[in-house]
Amino acid sequence: MVEIQLDLRPGETSQVLLVIYAINTTLLVAVHLLALMIGTCILPNIESVSATMSSIKVCTVCIIKFFT
């Protein structure tokens, strides 16, 4: 969570501080969305491909041993 507290008089805002706050918040949200996408979309596909490839290797080894 990003939180900011300004102890300035009304009408006196620091533009640089608000820009830094906006950039920080945007980066925080972007990183969390990227992590969510990786965890839900990419990792399950990698895991299933890995399982498939290992089963293909086992079958290939069994066939080679059977015919030799």
C-alpha atoms as a PDB file:
ATOM      1  CA  MET A   1       0.000   0.000   0.000  1.00  0.00           C
ATOM      2  CA  VAL A   2       1.239   3.450  -0.846  1.00  0.00           C
ATOM      3  CA  GLU A   3       0.220   6.264   1.445  1.00  0.00           C
ATOM      4  CA  ILE A   4       1.199   9.907   1.575  1.00  0.00           C
ATOM      5  CA  GLN A   5       0.630  12.596   4.168  1.00  0.00           C
ATOM      6  CA  LEU A   6       1.242  16.218   3.285  1.00  0.00           C
ATOM      7  CA  ASP A   7       1.661  18.754   6.076  1.00  0.00           C
ATOM      8  CA  LEU A   8       1.370  21.718   3.793  1.00  0.00           C
ATOM      9  CA  ARG A   9      -1.010  24.634   3.908  1.00  0.00           C
ATOM     10  CA  PRO A  10      -4.094  24.337   1.675  1.00  0.00           C
ATOM     11  CA  GLY A  11      -3.277  25.301  -1.894  1.00  0.00           C
ATOM     12  CA  GLU A  12       0.452  24.648  -1.387  1.00  0.00           C
ATOM     13  CA  THR A  13       1.273  21.290  -2.978  1.00  0.00           C
ATOM     14  CA  SER A  14       4.642  20.051  -4.061  1.00  0.00           C
ATOM     15  CA  GLN A  15       4.401  19.025  -7.728  1.00  0.00           C
ATOM     16  CA  VAL A  16       7.592  16.960  -7.569  1.00  0.00           C
ATOM     17  CA  LEU A  17       6.306  14.976  -4.591  1.00  0.00           C
ATOM     18  CA  LEU A  18       3.001  14.254  -6.321  1.00  0.00           C
ATOM     19  CA  VAL A  19       4.783  13.077  -9.486  1.00  0.00           C
ATOM     20  CA  ILE A  20       7.052  10.770  -7.479  1.00  0.00           C
ATOM     21  CA  TYR A  21       4.008   9.445  -5.615  1.00  0.00           C
ATOM     22  CA  ALA A  22       2.171   8.728  -8.884  1.00  0.00           C
ATOM     23  CA  ILE A  23       5.199   6.970 -10.411  1.00  0.00           C
ATOM     24  CA  ASN A  24       5.731   4.887  -7.276  1.00  0.00           C
ATOM     25  CA  THR A  25       2.087   3.819  -7.167  1.00  0.00           C
ATOM     26  CA  THR A  26       2.074   2.947 -10.870  1.00  0.00           C
ATOM     27  CA  LEU A  27       5.213   0.818 -10.561  1.00  0.00           C
ATOM     28  CA  LEU A  28       3.835  -0.966  -7.511  1.00  0.00           C
ATOM     29  CA  VAL A  29       0.613  -1.892  -9.298  1.00  0.00           C
ATOM     30  CA  ALA A  30       2.465  -2.936 -12.473  1.00  0.00           C
ATOM     31  CA  VAL A  31       4.840  -5.250 -10.605  1.00  0.00           C
ATOM     32  CA  HIS A  32       1.989  -6.942  -8.748  1.00  0.00           C
ATOM     33  CA  LEU A  33      -0.024  -7.432 -11.936  1.00  0.00           C
ATOM     34  CA  LEU A  34       3.020  -8.917 -13.657  1.00  0.00           C
ATOM     35  CA  ALA A  35       3.569 -11.317 -10.746  1.00  0.00           C
ATOM     36  CA  LEU A  36      -0.106 -12.317 -10.837  1.00  0.00           C
ATOM     37  CA  MET A  37       0.052 -12.940 -14.595  1.00  0.00           C
ATOM     38  CA  ILE A  38       3.199 -15.041 -14.268  1.00  0.00           C
ATOM     39  CA  GLY A  39       1.712 -17.087 -11.435  1.00  0.00           C
ATOM     40  CA  THR A  40      -1.620 -17.789 -13.113  1.00  0.00           C
ATOM     41  CA  CYS A  41      -0.841 -17.878 -16.838  1.00  0.00           C
ATOM     42  CA  ILE A  42       2.775 -18.766 -17.480  1.00  0.00           C
ATOM     43  CA  LEU A  43       3.856 -21.117 -14.671  1.00  0.00           C
ATOM     44  CA  PRO A  44       1.052 -23.693 -15.126  1.00  0.00           C
ATOM     45  CA  ASN A  45       1.888 -23.941 -18.840  1.00  0.00           C
ATOM     46  CA  ILE A  46       5.581 -24.411 -18.115  1.00  0.00           C
ATOM     47  CA  GLU A  47       4.764 -27.099 -15.557  1.00  0.00           C
ATOM     48  CA  SER A  48       2.503 -29.008 -17.948  1.00  0.00           C
ATOM     49  CA  VAL A  49       5.055 -28.853 -20.762  1.00  0.00           C
ATOM     50  CA  SER A  50       7.736 -30.086 -18.381  1.00  0.00           C
ATOM     51  CA  ALA A  51       5.567 -33.027 -17.298  1.00  0.00           C
ATOM     52  CA  THR A  52       4.786 -33.883 -20.910  1.00  0.00           C
ATOM     53  CA  MET A  53       8.428 -33.758 -21.933  1.00  0.00           C
ATOM     54  CA  SER A  54       9.502 -35.992 -19.042  1.00  0.00           C
ATOM     55  CA  SER A  55       6.840 -38.588 -19.923  1.00  0.00           C
ATOM     56  CA  ILE A  56       7.968 -38.538 -23.568  1.00  0.00           C
ATOM     57  CA  LYS A  57      11.552 -39.155 -22.456  1.00  0.00           C
ATOM     58  CA  VAL A  58      10.482 -42.091 -20.275  1.00  0.00           C
ATOM     59  CA  CYS A  59       8.490 -43.638 -23.142  1.00  0.00           C
ATOM     60  CA  THR A  60      11.395 -43.184 -25.539  1.00  0.00           C
ATOM     61  CA  VAL A  61      13.810 -44.852 -23.119  1.00  0.00           C
ATOM     62  CA  CYS A  62      11.385 -47.789 -22.608  1.00  0.00           C
ATOM     63  CA  ILE A  63      10.974 -48.283 -26.367  1.00  0.00           C
ATOM     64  CA  ILE A  64      14.729 -48.174 -26.949  1.00  0.00           C
ATOM     65  CA  LYS A  65      15.357 -50.720 -24.174  1.00  0.00           C
ATOM     66  CA  PHE A  66      12.593 -52.972 -25.512  1.00  0.00           C
ATOM     67  CA  PHE A  67      14.030 -53.142 -29.015  1.00  0.00           C
ATOM     68  CA  THR A  68      17.691 -53.534 -27.988  1.00  0.00           C
END
